[in-house]
Protein backbone atom coordinates (compact mmCIF):
# COMPACT_ATOMS: atom_id res chain seq x y z
CA MET A 1 -56.34 73.96 65.81
CA ILE A 2 -59.90 74.63 66.97
CA GLY A 3 -60.29 75.10 70.70
CA LYS A 4 -62.05 72.38 72.68
CA GLN A 5 -64.53 74.87 74.09
CA ASP A 6 -65.44 76.04 70.58
CA ILE A 7 -66.28 72.45 69.66
CA LEU A 8 -68.34 71.92 72.82
CA ASP A 9 -70.15 75.19 72.18
CA ALA A 10 -71.16 73.89 68.76
CA PHE A 11 -72.50 70.68 70.31
CA HIS A 12 -74.54 72.73 72.78
CA PHE A 13 -75.76 74.95 69.94
CA ARG A 14 -76.95 72.01 67.83
CA HIS A 15 -80.46 70.78 68.40
CA ALA A 16 -83.16 69.12 66.30
CA CYS A 17 -84.64 72.27 64.81
CA LYS A 18 -88.31 71.62 64.00
CA THR A 19 -89.06 74.87 62.17
CA PHE A 20 -86.64 77.08 60.27
CA ASP A 21 -86.77 80.71 59.18
CA PRO A 22 -88.04 80.37 55.59
CA GLU A 23 -86.64 83.79 54.68
CA ARG A 24 -83.03 82.85 55.41
CA LYS A 25 -81.02 80.77 52.95
CA ILE A 26 -77.66 79.14 53.61
CA PRO A 27 -74.90 80.71 51.47
CA GLU A 28 -73.71 78.37 48.73
CA GLU A 29 -70.15 78.35 50.08
CA ASP A 30 -71.34 77.30 53.54
CA PHE A 31 -73.57 74.54 52.22
CA TYR A 32 -70.79 73.11 50.07
CA PHE A 33 -68.62 73.11 53.19
CA ILE A 34 -71.27 70.98 54.93
CA LEU A 35 -71.44 68.61 51.96
CA GLU A 36 -67.66 68.32 51.91
CA THR A 37 -67.60 67.14 55.53
CA GLY A 38 -70.05 64.42 54.52
CA ARG A 39 -67.97 63.46 51.49
CA LEU A 40 -64.82 63.20 53.64
CA SER A 41 -66.49 61.04 56.28
CA PRO A 42 -65.13 57.58 57.09
CA SER A 43 -66.89 54.38 56.08
CA SER A 44 -66.23 50.68 56.56
CA PHE A 45 -63.53 49.57 54.12
CA GLY A 46 -63.68 53.13 52.80
CA TYR A 47 -66.38 52.10 50.31
CA GLU A 48 -68.62 55.18 50.78
CA PRO A 49 -71.94 53.35 50.37
CA TRP A 50 -73.91 56.60 50.27
CA GLN A 51 -75.38 59.16 47.94
CA PHE A 52 -76.39 62.66 49.06
CA VAL A 53 -79.44 64.00 47.20
CA VAL A 54 -80.09 67.70 47.83
CA ILE A 55 -83.81 68.34 47.36
CA GLN A 56 -84.53 71.99 46.62
CA ASP A 57 -87.55 71.26 44.42
CA MET A 58 -90.45 72.23 46.71
CA SER A 59 -92.91 70.10 44.76
CA LEU A 60 -90.76 67.03 45.42
CA ARG A 61 -90.55 67.95 49.10
CA GLU A 62 -94.37 68.15 49.14
CA LYS A 63 -94.63 64.69 47.59
CA LEU A 64 -92.20 63.33 50.17
CA LEU A 65 -94.29 64.86 52.95
CA THR A 66 -97.10 62.42 52.13
CA ALA A 67 -94.86 59.68 53.55
CA THR A 68 -92.70 61.76 55.91
CA TRP A 69 -94.68 62.53 59.04
CA GLY A 70 -91.57 63.76 60.89
CA ALA A 71 -90.88 66.73 58.59
CA LYS A 72 -94.12 68.72 58.61
CA GLY A 73 -92.33 71.80 59.94
CA GLN A 74 -88.93 71.21 58.40
CA PHE A 75 -89.57 70.54 54.69
CA PRO A 76 -91.60 73.72 54.02
CA THR A 77 -89.15 75.99 55.87
CA ALA A 78 -85.65 74.50 55.54
CA SER A 79 -83.09 76.24 53.40
CA HIS A 80 -81.73 72.86 52.22
CA VAL A 81 -82.86 69.24 52.57
CA ILE A 82 -80.60 66.24 52.00
CA VAL A 83 -81.92 62.74 51.44
CA ILE A 84 -79.13 60.30 52.28
CA LEU A 85 -79.35 57.10 50.26
CA ALA A 86 -77.51 53.85 51.03
CA ARG A 87 -76.37 51.22 48.56
CA LYS A 88 -77.85 47.73 48.57
CA ASP A 89 -76.48 44.83 46.48
CA ASP A 90 -73.67 47.06 45.21
CA MET A 91 -71.94 46.39 48.53
CA ARG A 92 -71.55 42.64 48.04
CA PRO A 93 -68.01 41.28 47.65
CA GLY A 94 -66.95 41.24 44.00
CA SER A 95 -69.69 43.64 42.88
CA ALA A 96 -69.05 45.97 39.97
CA TYR A 97 -69.22 48.90 42.40
CA THR A 98 -66.62 47.63 44.88
CA GLU A 99 -64.31 46.44 42.08
CA ARG A 100 -64.47 49.82 40.32
CA PHE A 101 -64.07 51.64 43.62
CA MET A 102 -60.87 49.79 44.50
CA ARG A 103 -59.39 50.43 41.07
CA GLU A 104 -60.53 53.96 40.29
CA VAL A 105 -60.96 55.62 43.68
CA GLN A 106 -58.63 53.75 46.04
CA LYS A 107 -56.21 53.01 43.18
CA LEU A 108 -55.14 49.67 44.61
CA PRO A 109 -52.84 47.34 42.67
CA GLU A 110 -54.35 44.08 41.45
CA GLU A 111 -52.76 42.05 44.24
CA GLY A 112 -54.13 44.54 46.78
CA ILE A 113 -57.60 44.22 45.25
CA ALA A 114 -57.41 40.43 45.51
CA ARG A 115 -56.37 40.57 49.17
CA ARG A 116 -59.00 43.11 50.10
CA THR A 117 -61.75 41.20 48.29
CA THR A 118 -60.85 38.01 50.20
CA PHE A 119 -60.85 39.86 53.50
CA TYR A 120 -64.07 41.70 52.67
CA ARG A 121 -65.80 38.45 51.75
CA GLN A 122 -64.85 36.98 55.15
CA PHE A 123 -66.11 40.12 56.89
CA HIS A 124 -69.29 40.01 54.84
CA GLU A 125 -70.10 36.31 55.16
CA ILE A 126 -68.60 35.29 58.53
CA ASP A 127 -67.84 38.28 60.78
CA PHE A 128 -71.00 40.36 60.20
CA LYS A 129 -73.18 37.87 58.29
CA LEU A 130 -74.45 40.33 55.70
CA GLN A 131 -75.80 37.87 53.13
CA GLU A 132 -79.46 38.81 53.70
CA PRO A 133 -80.49 41.91 51.71
CA ARG A 134 -81.91 43.71 54.76
CA ALA A 135 -78.78 43.05 56.83
CA LEU A 136 -76.59 44.40 54.01
CA PHE A 137 -78.74 47.50 53.56
CA ASP A 138 -78.79 48.18 57.30
CA TRP A 139 -74.99 47.96 57.34
CA SER A 140 -74.80 50.53 54.54
CA CYS A 141 -77.19 52.76 56.46
CA ARG A 142 -74.93 52.65 59.50
CA GLN A 143 -72.14 54.07 57.37
CA ALA A 144 -74.48 56.79 56.09
CA TYR A 145 -75.20 57.87 59.65
CA ILE A 146 -71.51 58.68 60.14
CA ALA A 147 -71.73 61.19 57.30
CA LEU A 148 -75.03 62.50 58.70
CA ALA A 149 -73.49 63.22 62.11
CA ASN A 150 -70.44 64.90 60.62
CA MET A 151 -72.55 67.20 58.45
CA MET A 152 -74.77 68.23 61.36
CA THR A 153 -71.75 68.92 63.58
CA ALA A 154 -70.00 70.89 60.85
CA ALA A 155 -73.15 72.95 60.32
CA ALA A 156 -73.40 73.72 64.03
CA MET A 157 -69.79 74.88 64.10
CA ILE A 158 -70.61 77.62 61.59
CA GLY A 159 -73.92 78.59 63.18
CA ILE A 160 -76.28 76.61 60.94
CA ASP A 161 -79.13 74.57 62.37
CA SER A 162 -80.18 71.09 61.33
CA CYS A 163 -82.65 68.33 62.06
CA PRO A 164 -82.17 64.62 61.28
CA ILE A 165 -85.39 63.04 60.00
CA GLU A 166 -86.29 59.38 60.48
CA GLY A 167 -90.01 60.01 60.75
CA PHE A 168 -91.07 58.50 57.44
CA ASN A 169 -92.75 55.46 55.99
CA GLN A 170 -89.85 53.84 54.20
CA ALA A 171 -91.80 52.17 51.40
CA GLY A 172 -93.86 55.29 50.73
CA ALA A 173 -90.89 57.66 50.73
CA GLU A 174 -88.87 55.32 48.52
CA ASN A 175 -91.76 55.15 46.05
CA VAL A 176 -91.65 58.95 45.73
CA LEU A 177 -87.88 58.90 45.26
CA ALA A 178 -88.09 56.05 42.76
CA GLU A 179 -90.70 57.91 40.71
CA ALA A 180 -88.28 60.85 40.61
CA GLY A 181 -85.57 58.51 39.25
CA LEU A 182 -83.34 58.88 42.31
CA LEU A 183 -82.93 55.26 43.45
CA GLU A 184 -81.18 54.05 40.27
CA ASP A 185 -83.46 51.06 39.65
CA GLY A 186 -83.33 49.88 43.24
CA ARG A 187 -79.58 50.07 43.75
CA PHE A 188 -80.20 52.57 46.56
CA GLY A 189 -82.57 52.69 49.49
CA LEU A 190 -83.48 55.54 51.83
CA ALA A 191 -81.31 55.68 54.95
CA VAL A 192 -82.22 59.01 56.55
CA MET A 193 -83.03 62.63 55.72
CA VAL A 194 -81.69 65.86 57.20
CA ALA A 195 -82.85 69.47 56.96
CA PHE A 196 -80.63 72.55 57.31
CA GLY A 197 -81.40 76.21 57.87
CA TYR A 198 -81.63 78.85 60.57
CA ARG A 199 -83.80 78.56 63.65
CA ILE A 200 -86.78 80.83 64.07
CA ASN A 201 -87.69 79.76 67.62
CA PRO A 202 -85.52 79.71 70.77
CA GLN A 203 -83.55 76.53 71.37
CA PRO A 204 -85.01 74.29 74.08
CA GLU A 205 -82.85 73.27 77.01
CA LYS A 206 -80.50 70.41 76.10
CA LYS A 207 -81.04 67.43 78.36
CA ARG A 208 -78.65 64.48 78.56
CA ARG A 209 -77.83 61.73 81.03
CA PRO A 210 -74.84 62.50 83.31
CA MET A 211 -71.38 61.35 82.21
CA GLU A 212 -71.12 58.71 84.96
CA GLU A 213 -74.29 57.09 83.66
CA VAL A 214 -73.21 57.13 80.03
CA VAL A 215 -69.58 56.00 80.35
CA LYS A 216 -68.26 52.81 81.90
CA TRP A 217 -64.53 52.29 82.49
CA VAL A 218 -63.20 48.73 82.76
């Protein structure tokens, strides 16, 4: 097993890298490792309401920059950029996506599918009240952030820098992605972006609140 100190060292190493070394590219094997940690991430009901779009086309990155004010240094210099999309209406109980997912991915028997659909509908309509489109999309985005965090941590553990990017105009960025045919006729929306590469500037001091302020025991 990995030592605890090795893991903490990776967390101290990780920071929101604003500018990368444009001459250094992440080896294919290492980047697929990062993607695999995203793919293996947990999600509510295990439904994986995400899509990872790796944008290596610099012209598309430039178009995205018109609506992404938080990536002026990252997009031109990053080795790899991932746009993480989140599903919208596909996540409703009884949707074609969830039905296919239970049968083909989770390989549940028909009685298991019926039970899970009933439980999921209760969760959807009563427990979390996800009937409104925005509420449902936001719930999908919360799942996508689990994968985001896992990929950034995995990258740090092998010495690769990253920067999560929320600094964008959602409508403008989605228009660019839609024009590129990446939103599948509105089935997806933009959750978050993340850039990966190797730092070119020294890491700033990491500042966090003390443990006793962050954690409450009851």
